[in-house]
PDB file of N, CA and C in Angstrom:
ATOM      1  N   UNK A   1      15.372  -3.269 -14.598  1.00  0.00           N
ATOM      2  CA  UNK A   1      14.311  -2.613 -13.854  1.00  0.00           C
ATOM      3  C   UNK A   1      14.863  -2.216 -12.478  1.00  0.00           C
ATOM      4  N   UNK A   2      14.705  -0.949 -12.112  1.00  0.00           N
ATOM      5  CA  UNK A   2      15.221  -0.506 -10.817  1.00  0.00           C
ATOM      6  C   UNK A   2      14.221  -0.825  -9.689  1.00  0.00           C
ATOM      7  N   UNK A   3      14.623  -0.527  -8.457  1.00  0.00           N
ATOM      8  CA  UNK A   3      13.814  -0.861  -7.282  1.00  0.00           C
ATOM      9  C   UNK A   3      12.414  -0.251  -7.367  1.00  0.00           C
ATOM     10  N   UNK A   4      12.337   1.044  -7.674  1.00  0.00           N
ATOM     11  CA  UNK A   4      11.033   1.712  -7.753  1.00  0.00           C
ATOM     12  C   UNK A   4      10.124   1.039  -8.771  1.00  0.00           C
ATOM     13  N   UNK A   5      10.663   0.708  -9.929  1.00  0.00           N
ATOM     14  CA  UNK A   5       9.859   0.065 -10.982  1.00  0.00           C
ATOM     15  C   UNK A   5       9.342  -1.294 -10.527  1.00  0.00           C
ATOM     16  N   UNK A   6      10.161  -2.021  -9.781  1.00  0.00           N
ATOM     17  CA  UNK A   6       9.722  -3.322  -9.246  1.00  0.00           C
ATOM     18  C   UNK A   6       8.587  -3.135  -8.251  1.00  0.00           C
ATOM     19  N   UNK A   7       8.686  -2.102  -7.418  1.00  0.00           N
ATOM     20  CA  UNK A   7       7.612  -1.796  -6.463  1.00  0.00           C
ATOM     21  C   UNK A   7       6.336  -1.486  -7.229  1.00  0.00           C
ATOM     22  N   UNK A   8       6.425  -0.625  -8.239  1.00  0.00           N
ATOM     23  CA  UNK A   8       5.240  -0.226  -9.009  1.00  0.00           C
ATOM     24  C   UNK A   8       4.582  -1.423  -9.688  1.00  0.00           C
ATOM     25  N   UNK A   9       5.385  -2.382 -10.141  1.00  0.00           N
ATOM     26  CA  UNK A   9       4.820  -3.591 -10.749  1.00  0.00           C
ATOM     27  C   UNK A   9       4.036  -4.391  -9.712  1.00  0.00           C
ATOM     28  N   UNK A  10       4.570  -4.494  -8.499  1.00  0.00           N
ATOM     29  CA  UNK A  10       3.865  -5.227  -7.442  1.00  0.00           C
ATOM     30  C   UNK A  10       2.582  -4.521  -7.026  1.00  0.00           C
ATOM     31  N   UNK A  11       2.601  -3.193  -7.024  1.00  0.00           N
ATOM     32  CA  UNK A  11       1.397  -2.438  -6.653  1.00  0.00           C
ATOM     33  C   UNK A  11       0.222  -2.792  -7.559  1.00  0.00           C
ATOM     34  N   UNK A  12       0.502  -3.079  -8.810  1.00  0.00           N
ATOM     35  CA  UNK A  12      -0.550  -3.407  -9.775  1.00  0.00           C
ATOM     36  C   UNK A  12      -1.218  -4.746  -9.462  1.00  0.00           C
ATOM     37  N   UNK A  13      -0.577  -5.565  -8.634  1.00  0.00           N
ATOM     38  CA  UNK A  13      -1.107  -6.900  -8.321  1.00  0.00           C
ATOM     39  C   UNK A  13      -2.030  -6.924  -7.106  1.00  0.00           C
ATOM     40  N   UNK A  14      -2.076  -5.837  -6.354  1.00  0.00           N
ATOM     41  CA  UNK A  14      -2.903  -5.795  -5.145  1.00  0.00           C
ATOM     42  C   UNK A  14      -4.359  -5.613  -5.567  1.00  0.00           C
ATOM     43  N   UNK A  15      -5.216  -6.571  -5.255  1.00  0.00           N
ATOM     44  CA  UNK A  15      -6.618  -6.479  -5.686  1.00  0.00           C
ATOM     45  C   UNK A  15      -7.386  -5.345  -4.997  1.00  0.00           C
ATOM     46  N   UNK A  16      -8.362  -4.863  -5.672  1.00  0.00           N
ATOM     47  CA  UNK A  16      -9.277  -3.854  -5.137  1.00  0.00           C
ATOM     48  C   UNK A  16      -9.926  -4.402  -3.863  1.00  0.00           C
ATOM     49  N   UNK A  17     -10.013  -3.565  -2.831  1.00  0.00           N
ATOM     50  CA  UNK A  17     -10.631  -3.999  -1.587  1.00  0.00           C
ATOM     51  C   UNK A  17      -9.707  -4.762  -0.657  1.00  0.00           C
ATOM     52  N   UNK A  18      -8.433  -4.853  -1.019  1.00  0.00           N
ATOM     53  CA  UNK A  18      -7.428  -5.533  -0.194  1.00  0.00           C
ATOM     54  C   UNK A  18      -6.284  -4.562   0.069  1.00  0.00           C
ATOM     55  N   UNK A  19      -5.461  -4.869   1.042  1.00  0.00           N
ATOM     56  CA  UNK A  19      -4.279  -4.060   1.347  1.00  0.00           C
ATOM     57  C   UNK A  19      -3.086  -4.980   1.526  1.00  0.00           C
ATOM     58  N   UNK A  20      -1.912  -4.411   1.407  1.00  0.00           N
ATOM     59  CA  UNK A  20      -0.683  -5.114   1.748  1.00  0.00           C
ATOM     60  C   UNK A  20       0.174  -4.137   2.537  1.00  0.00           C
ATOM     61  N   UNK A  21       1.363  -4.557   2.920  1.00  0.00           N
ATOM     62  CA  UNK A  21       2.218  -3.705   3.743  1.00  0.00           C
ATOM     63  C   UNK A  21       3.510  -3.332   3.023  1.00  0.00           C
ATOM     64  N   UNK A  22       4.116  -2.255   3.514  1.00  0.00           N
ATOM     65  CA  UNK A  22       5.421  -1.847   2.993  1.00  0.00           C
ATOM     66  C   UNK A  22       6.411  -2.989   3.190  1.00  0.00           C
ATOM     67  N   UNK A  23       6.324  -3.656   4.344  1.00  0.00           N
ATOM     68  CA  UNK A  23       7.222  -4.772   4.654  1.00  0.00           C
ATOM     69  C   UNK A  23       7.020  -5.935   3.675  1.00  0.00           C
ATOM     70  N   UNK A  24       5.758  -6.269   3.385  1.00  0.00           N
ATOM     71  CA  UNK A  24       5.488  -7.393   2.479  1.00  0.00           C
ATOM     72  C   UNK A  24       6.080  -7.128   1.097  1.00  0.00           C
ATOM     73  N   UNK A  25       5.970  -5.899   0.628  1.00  0.00           N
ATOM     74  CA  UNK A  25       6.539  -5.555  -0.682  1.00  0.00           C
ATOM     75  C   UNK A  25       8.053  -5.646  -0.631  1.00  0.00           C
ATOM     76  N   UNK A  26       8.671  -5.114   0.420  1.00  0.00           N
ATOM     77  CA  UNK A  26      10.129  -5.178   0.555  1.00  0.00           C
ATOM     78  C   UNK A  26      10.604  -6.630   0.582  1.00  0.00           C
ATOM     79  N   UNK A  27       9.914  -7.462   1.359  1.00  0.00           N
ATOM     80  CA  UNK A  27      10.310  -8.879   1.446  1.00  0.00           C
ATOM     81  C   UNK A  27      10.173  -9.580   0.097  1.00  0.00           C
ATOM     82  N   UNK A  28       9.115  -9.256  -0.634  1.00  0.00           N
ATOM     83  CA  UNK A  28       8.918  -9.855  -1.954  1.00  0.00           C
ATOM     84  C   UNK A  28      10.085  -9.506  -2.872  1.00  0.00           C
ATOM     85  N   UNK A  29      10.673  -8.335  -2.648  1.00  0.00           N
ATOM     86  CA  UNK A  29      11.814  -7.884  -3.450  1.00  0.00           C
ATOM     87  C   UNK A  29      13.147  -8.254  -2.795  1.00  0.00           C
ATOM     88  N   UNK A  30      13.088  -9.133  -1.788  1.00  0.00           N
ATOM     89  CA  UNK A  30      14.280  -9.594  -1.063  1.00  0.00           C
ATOM     90  C   UNK A  30      15.078  -8.421  -0.508  1.00  0.00           C
ATOM     91  N   UNK A  31      14.357  -7.526   0.142  1.00  0.00           N
ATOM     92  CA  UNK A  31      14.948  -6.308   0.685  1.00  0.00           C
ATOM     93  C   UNK A  31      14.407  -6.064   2.088  1.00  0.00           C
ATOM     94  N   UNK A  32      15.119  -5.256   2.834  1.00  0.00           N
ATOM     95  CA  UNK A  32      14.626  -4.783   4.130  1.00  0.00           C
ATOM     96  C   UNK A  32      14.291  -3.295   4.015  1.00  0.00           C
ATOM     97  N   UNK A  33      14.205  -2.812   2.797  1.00  0.00           N
ATOM     98  CA  UNK A  33      13.981  -1.404   2.539  1.00  0.00           C
ATOM     99  C   UNK A  33      12.518  -0.996   2.607  1.00  0.00           C
ATOM    100  N   UNK A  34      11.914  -1.118   3.796  1.00  0.00           N
ATOM    101  CA  UNK A  34      10.500  -0.753   3.950  1.00  0.00           C
ATOM    102  C   UNK A  34      10.286   0.721   3.631  1.00  0.00           C
ATOM    103  N   UNK A  35      11.197   1.557   4.091  1.00  0.00           N
ATOM    104  CA  UNK A  35      11.075   2.998   3.820  1.00  0.00           C
ATOM    105  C   UNK A  35      11.292   3.288   2.340  1.00  0.00           C
ATOM    106  N   UNK A  36      12.164   2.530   1.712  1.00  0.00           N
ATOM    107  CA  UNK A  36      12.399   2.697   0.269  1.00  0.00           C
ATOM    108  C   UNK A  36      11.123   2.359  -0.503  1.00  0.00           C
ATOM    109  N   UNK A  37      10.367   1.384  -0.018  1.00  0.00           N
ATOM    110  CA  UNK A  37       9.083   1.052  -0.634  1.00  0.00           C
ATOM    111  C   UNK A  37       8.141   2.245  -0.505  1.00  0.00           C
ATOM    112  N   UNK A  38       8.111   2.843   0.676  1.00  0.00           N
ATOM    113  CA  UNK A  38       7.277   4.022   0.897  1.00  0.00           C
ATOM    114  C   UNK A  38       7.658   5.165  -0.026  1.00  0.00           C
ATOM    115  N   UNK A  39       8.942   5.364  -0.226  1.00  0.00           N
ATOM    116  CA  UNK A  39       9.402   6.436  -1.128  1.00  0.00           C
ATOM    117  C   UNK A  39       9.034   6.123  -2.579  1.00  0.00           C
ATOM    118  N   UNK A  40       9.129   4.860  -2.958  1.00  0.00           N
ATOM    119  CA  UNK A  40       8.725   4.461  -4.316  1.00  0.00           C
ATOM    120  C   UNK A  40       7.234   4.714  -4.499  1.00  0.00           C
ATOM    121  N   UNK A  41       6.447   4.425  -3.471  1.00  0.00           N
ATOM    122  CA  UNK A  41       5.015   4.710  -3.539  1.00  0.00           C
ATOM    123  C   UNK A  41       4.780   6.203  -3.702  1.00  0.00           C
ATOM    124  N   UNK A  42       5.552   6.999  -2.977  1.00  0.00           N
ATOM    125  CA  UNK A  42       5.423   8.455  -3.048  1.00  0.00           C
ATOM    126  C   UNK A  42       5.732   8.975  -4.462  1.00  0.00           C
ATOM    127  N   UNK A  43       6.660   8.319  -5.142  1.00  0.00           N
ATOM    128  CA  UNK A  43       7.066   8.748  -6.500  1.00  0.00           C
ATOM    129  C   UNK A  43       6.275   8.054  -7.612  1.00  0.00           C
ATOM    130  N   UNK A  44       5.297   7.263  -7.262  1.00  0.00           N
ATOM    131  CA  UNK A  44       4.548   6.428  -8.198  1.00  0.00           C
ATOM    132  C   UNK A  44       3.880   7.243  -9.325  1.00  0.00           C
ATOM    133  N   UNK A  45       4.359   7.084 -10.560  1.00  0.00           N
ATOM    134  CA  UNK A  45       3.747   7.811 -11.675  1.00  0.00           C
ATOM    135  C   UNK A  45       2.542   7.089 -12.273  1.00  0.00           C
ATOM    136  N   UNK A  46       2.259   5.877 -11.820  1.00  0.00           N
ATOM    137  CA  UNK A  46       1.215   5.044 -12.429  1.00  0.00           C
ATOM    138  C   UNK A  46      -0.082   4.974 -11.614  1.00  0.00           C
ATOM    139  N   UNK A  47      -0.158   5.763 -10.550  1.00  0.00           N
ATOM    140  CA  UNK A  47      -1.392   5.760  -9.748  1.00  0.00           C
ATOM    141  C   UNK A  47      -2.540   6.291 -10.594  1.00  0.00           C
ATOM    142  N   UNK A  48      -3.724   5.772 -10.480  1.00  0.00           N
ATOM    143  CA  UNK A  48      -4.157   4.740  -9.535  1.00  0.00           C
ATOM    144  C   UNK A  48      -4.013   3.306 -10.051  1.00  0.00           C
ATOM    145  N   UNK A  49      -3.543   3.101 -11.295  1.00  0.00           N
ATOM    146  CA  UNK A  49      -3.389   1.728 -11.807  1.00  0.00           C
ATOM    147  C   UNK A  49      -2.443   0.921 -10.908  1.00  0.00           C
ATOM    148  N   UNK A  50      -1.362   1.542 -10.480  1.00  0.00           N
ATOM    149  CA  UNK A  50      -0.468   0.948  -9.490  1.00  0.00           C
ATOM    150  C   UNK A  50      -0.881   1.576  -8.160  1.00  0.00           C
ATOM    151  N   UNK A  51      -1.717   0.879  -7.433  1.00  0.00           N
ATOM    152  CA  UNK A  51      -2.475   1.450  -6.310  1.00  0.00           C
ATOM    153  C   UNK A  51      -1.681   1.533  -5.014  1.00  0.00           C
ATOM    154  N   UNK A  52      -0.910   2.597  -4.859  1.00  0.00           N
ATOM    155  CA  UNK A  52      -0.123   2.769  -3.647  1.00  0.00           C
ATOM    156  C   UNK A  52      -1.003   3.059  -2.431  1.00  0.00           C
ATOM    157  N   UNK A  53      -2.235   3.468  -2.645  1.00  0.00           N
ATOM    158  CA  UNK A  53      -3.136   3.697  -1.507  1.00  0.00           C
ATOM    159  C   UNK A  53      -3.498   2.395  -0.802  1.00  0.00           C
ATOM    160  N   UNK A  54      -3.206   1.260  -1.425  1.00  0.00           N
ATOM    161  CA  UNK A  54      -3.499  -0.048  -0.825  1.00  0.00           C
ATOM    162  C   UNK A  54      -2.343  -0.571   0.028  1.00  0.00           C
ATOM    163  N   UNK A  55      -1.318   0.243   0.220  1.00  0.00           N
ATOM    164  CA  UNK A  55      -0.166  -0.157   1.024  1.00  0.00           C
ATOM    165  C   UNK A  55      -0.244   0.550   2.378  1.00  0.00           C
ATOM    166  N   UNK A  56      -0.203  -0.250   3.445  1.00  0.00           N
ATOM    167  CA  UNK A  56      -0.338   0.273   4.797  1.00  0.00           C
ATOM    168  C   UNK A  56       0.796  -0.254   5.685  1.00  0.00           C
ATOM    169  N   UNK A  57       0.824   0.221   6.913  1.00  0.00           N
ATOM    170  CA  UNK A  57       1.832  -0.241   7.873  1.00  0.00           C
ATOM    171  C   UNK A  57       1.552  -1.682   8.291  1.00  0.00           C
ATOM    172  N   UNK A  58       2.545  -2.320   8.854  1.00  0.00           N
ATOM    173  CA  UNK A  58       2.429  -3.727   9.264  1.00  0.00           C
ATOM    174  C   UNK A  58       1.439  -3.955  10.399  1.00  0.00           C
ATOM    175  N   UNK A  59       1.075  -2.898  11.119  1.00  0.00           N
ATOM    176  CA  UNK A  59       0.098  -3.040  12.191  1.00  0.00           C
ATOM    177  C   UNK A  59      -1.310  -2.644  11.728  1.00  0.00           C
ATOM    178  N   UNK A  60      -1.459  -2.386  10.428  1.00  0.00           N
ATOM    179  CA  UNK A  60      -2.754  -1.989   9.898  1.00  0.00           C
ATOM    180  C   UNK A  60      -2.968  -0.488   9.896  1.00  0.00           C
ATOM    181  N   UNK A  61      -1.998   0.250  10.411  1.00  0.00           N
ATOM    182  CA  UNK A  61      -2.076   1.709  10.386  1.00  0.00           C
ATOM    183  C   UNK A  61      -2.017   2.221   8.957  1.00  0.00           C
ATOM    184  N   UNK A  62      -2.627   3.350   8.713  1.00  0.00           N
ATOM    185  CA  UNK A  62      -2.748   3.874   7.350  1.00  0.00           C
ATOM    186  C   UNK A  62      -1.409   4.231   6.718  1.00  0.00           C
ATOM    187  N   UNK A  63      -0.509   4.842   7.450  1.00  0.00           N
ATOM    188  CA  UNK A  63       0.759   5.271   6.869  1.00  0.00           C
ATOM    189  C   UNK A  63       0.555   6.554   6.072  1.00  0.00           C
ATOM    190  N   UNK A  64       1.559   6.927   5.328  1.00  0.00           N
ATOM    191  CA  UNK A  64       1.510   8.174   4.577  1.00  0.00           C
ATOM    192  C   UNK A  64       0.894   8.012   3.201  1.00  0.00           C
ATOM    193  N   UNK A  65       0.739   9.151   2.536  1.00  0.00           N
ATOM    194  CA  UNK A  65       0.188   9.158   1.181  1.00  0.00           C
ATOM    195  C   UNK A  65       0.520  10.505   0.557  1.00  0.00           C
ATOM    196  N   UNK A  66       0.973  10.492  -0.682  1.00  0.00           N
ATOM    197  CA  UNK A  66       1.393  11.720  -1.359  1.00  0.00           C
ATOM    198  C   UNK A  66       0.276  12.761  -1.400  1.00  0.00           C
ATOM    199  N   UNK A  67      -0.963  12.322  -1.539  1.00  0.00           N
ATOM    200  CA  UNK A  67      -2.102  13.242  -1.619  1.00  0.00           C
ATOM    201  C   UNK A  67      -2.762  13.487  -0.266  1.00  0.00           C
ATOM    202  N   UNK A  68      -2.134  12.985   0.797  1.00  0.00           N
ATOM    203  CA  UNK A  68      -2.668  13.169   2.146  1.00  0.00           C
ATOM    204  C   UNK A  68      -3.410  11.942   2.654  1.00  0.00           C
ATOM    205  N   UNK A  69      -3.348  11.739   3.948  1.00  0.00           N
ATOM    206  CA  UNK A  69      -3.946  10.570   4.591  1.00  0.00           C
ATOM    207  C   UNK A  69      -5.463  10.533   4.395  1.00  0.00           C
ATOM    208  N   UNK A  70      -6.118  11.687   4.464  1.00  0.00           N
ATOM    209  CA  UNK A  70      -7.577  11.713   4.279  1.00  0.00           C
ATOM    210  C   UNK A  70      -7.964  11.168   2.911  1.00  0.00           C
ATOM    211  N   UNK A  71      -7.196  11.525   1.886  1.00  0.00           N
ATOM    212  CA  UNK A  71      -7.457  11.044   0.519  1.00  0.00           C
ATOM    213  C   UNK A  71      -7.234   9.526   0.444  1.00  0.00           C
ATOM    214  N   UNK A  72      -6.192   9.038   1.125  1.00  0.00           N
ATOM    215  CA  UNK A  72      -5.903   7.605   1.134  1.00  0.00           C
ATOM    216  C   UNK A  72      -7.066   6.836   1.759  1.00  0.00           C
ATOM    217  N   UNK A  73      -7.548   7.329   2.887  1.00  0.00           N
ATOM    218  CA  UNK A  73      -8.676   6.686   3.567  1.00  0.00           C
ATOM    219  C   UNK A  73      -9.910   6.705   2.671  1.00  0.00           C
ATOM    220  N   UNK A  74     -10.145   7.824   2.017  1.00  0.00           N
ATOM    221  CA  UNK A  74     -11.290   7.948   1.108  1.00  0.00           C
ATOM    222  C   UNK A  74     -11.222   6.914  -0.015  1.00  0.00           C
ATOM    223  N   UNK A  75     -10.039   6.760  -0.615  1.00  0.00           N
ATOM    224  CA  UNK A  75      -9.856   5.783  -1.695  1.00  0.00           C
ATOM    225  C   UNK A  75     -10.070   4.358  -1.190  1.00  0.00           C
ATOM    226  N   UNK A  76      -9.536   4.047  -0.015  1.00  0.00           N
ATOM    227  CA  UNK A  76      -9.714   2.712   0.556  1.00  0.00           C
ATOM    228  C   UNK A  76     -11.182   2.433   0.857  1.00  0.00           C
ATOM    229  N   UNK A  77     -11.849   3.402   1.460  1.00  0.00           N
ATOM    230  CA  UNK A  77     -13.256   3.200   1.795  1.00  0.00           C
ATOM    231  C   UNK A  77     -14.120   3.068   0.552  1.00  0.00           C
ATOM    232  N   UNK A  78     -13.743   3.749  -0.506  1.00  0.00           N
ATOM    233  CA  UNK A  78     -14.457   3.641  -1.782  1.00  0.00           C
ATOM    234  C   UNK A  78     -14.379   2.209  -2.327  1.00  0.00           C
ATOM    235  N   UNK A  79     -13.313   1.504  -1.969  1.00  0.00           N
ATOM    236  CA  UNK A  79     -13.119   0.119  -2.409  1.00  0.00           C
ATOM    237  C   UNK A  79     -13.680  -0.884  -1.400  1.00  0.00           C
ATOM    238  N   UNK A  80     -14.279  -0.389  -0.329  1.00  0.00           N
ATOM    239  CA  UNK A  80     -14.872  -1.285   0.657  1.00  0.00           C
ATOM    240  C   UNK A  80     -13.985  -1.616   1.842  1.00  0.00           C
ATOM    241  N   UNK A  81     -12.822  -0.995   1.923  1.00  0.00           N
ATOM    242  CA  UNK A  81     -11.930  -1.206   3.062  1.00  0.00           C
ATOM    243  C   UNK A  81     -12.364  -0.261   4.180  1.00  0.00           C
ATOM    244  N   UNK A  82     -12.682  -0.829   5.328  1.00  0.00           N
ATOM    245  CA  UNK A  82     -13.123  -0.001   6.455  1.00  0.00           C
ATOM    246  C   UNK A  82     -11.915   0.479   7.253  1.00  0.00           C
ATOM    247  N   UNK A  83     -11.964   1.757   7.619  1.00  0.00           N
ATOM    248  CA  UNK A  83     -10.888   2.367   8.395  1.00  0.00           C
ATOM    249  C   UNK A  83     -11.494   3.028   9.619  1.00  0.00           C
ATOM    250  N   UNK A  84     -10.894   2.739  10.780  1.00  0.00           N
ATOM    251  CA  UNK A  84     -11.354   3.351  12.029  1.00  0.00           C
ATOM    252  C   UNK A  84     -10.129   3.788  12.822  1.00  0.00           C
ATOM    253  N   UNK A  85     -10.132   5.032  13.273  1.00  0.00           N
ATOM    254  CA  UNK A  85      -8.998   5.585  14.029  1.00  0.00           C
ATOM    255  C   UNK A  85      -7.676   5.402  13.288  1.00  0.00           C
ATOM    256  N   UNK A  86      -7.708   5.672  11.979  1.00  0.00           N
ATOM    257  CA  UNK A  86      -6.530   5.562  11.103  1.00  0.00           C
ATOM    258  C   UNK A  86      -5.920   4.163  11.051  1.00  0.00           C
ATOM    259  N   UNK A  87      -6.744   3.150  11.269  1.00  0.00           N
ATOM    260  CA  UNK A  87      -6.304   1.752  11.143  1.00  0.00           C
ATOM    261  C   UNK A  87      -7.319   0.984  10.313  1.00  0.00           C
ATOM    262  N   UNK A  88      -6.817   0.022   9.550  1.00  0.00           N
ATOM    263  CA  UNK A  88      -7.678  -0.822   8.724  1.00  0.00           C
ATOM    264  C   UNK A  88      -8.408  -1.815   9.622  1.00  0.00           C
ATOM    265  N   UNK A  89      -9.734  -1.839   9.506  1.00  0.00           N
ATOM    266  CA  UNK A  89     -10.569  -2.780  10.254  1.00  0.00           C
ATOM    267  C   UNK A  89     -10.451  -4.142   9.548  1.00  0.00           C
ATOM    268  N   UNK A  90     -10.418  -5.224  10.326  1.00  0.00           N
ATOM    269  CA  UNK A  90     -10.255  -6.581   9.759  1.00  0.00           C
ATOM    270  C   UNK A  90      -8.973  -6.697   8.939  1.00  0.00           C
ATOM    271  N   UNK A  91      -7.927  -6.056   9.413  1.00  0.00           N
ATOM    272  CA  UNK A  91      -6.652  -5.990   8.690  1.00  0.00           C
ATOM    273  C   UNK A  91      -6.153  -7.361   8.237  1.00  0.00           C
ATOM    274  N   UNK A  92      -6.078  -8.306   9.147  1.00  0.00           N
ATOM    275  CA  UNK A  92      -5.549  -9.628   8.795  1.00  0.00           C
ATOM    276  C   UNK A  92      -6.412 -10.355   7.774  1.00  0.00           C
ATOM    277  N   UNK A  93      -7.695 -10.091   7.815  1.00  0.00           N
ATOM    278  CA  UNK A  93      -8.628 -10.756   6.901  1.00  0.00           C
ATOM    279  C   UNK A  93      -8.475 -10.263   5.460  1.00  0.00           C
ATOM    280  N   UNK A  94      -8.175  -8.975   5.284  1.00  0.00           N
ATOM    281  CA  UNK A  94      -8.086  -8.428   3.927  1.00  0.00           C
ATOM    282  C   UNK A  94      -6.650  -8.218   3.461  1.00  0.00           C
ATOM    283  N   UNK A  95      -5.684  -8.680   4.279  1.00  0.00           N
ATOM    284  CA  UNK A  95      -4.275  -8.545   3.925  1.00  0.00           C
ATOM    285  C   UNK A  95      -3.939  -9.394   2.708  1.00  0.00           C
ATOM    286  N   UNK A  96      -3.374  -8.769   1.694  1.00  0.00           N
ATOM    287  CA  UNK A  96      -2.967  -9.466   0.481  1.00  0.00           C
ATOM    288  C   UNK A  96      -1.499  -9.865   0.627  1.00  0.00           C
ATOM    289  N   UNK A  97      -1.237 -11.130   0.381  1.00  0.00           N
ATOM    290  CA  UNK A  97       0.144 -11.645   0.432  1.00  0.00           C
ATOM    291  C   UNK A  97       0.567 -12.051  -0.968  1.00  0.00           C
ATOM    292  N   UNK A  98       1.753 -11.678  -1.332  1.00  0.00           N
ATOM    293  CA  UNK A  98       2.265 -11.990  -2.677  1.00  0.00           C
ATOM    294  C   UNK A  98       2.697 -13.440  -2.776  1.00  0.00           C
TER     295      UNK A  98
END
């Protein structure tokens, strides 16, 4: 299984209504490749089952999204994740750790 496939498998474990970070995924894979995680999310063929919209920056910032940031925010809010000024509200409370 290559790096991208490992990322996609982890994406499937993030519960609805929760978020994790690019850094947390990289660390789980014993890597410092935070940007590589972002690129794997961008190439994700399994969305929405492998929910890359649930991956945000380490400071709670939204980060990028292949379909655009507005779409990412919409998907998160649909799951009950509140976003204000492009940051996740109650970030630490809803942060999913592997």
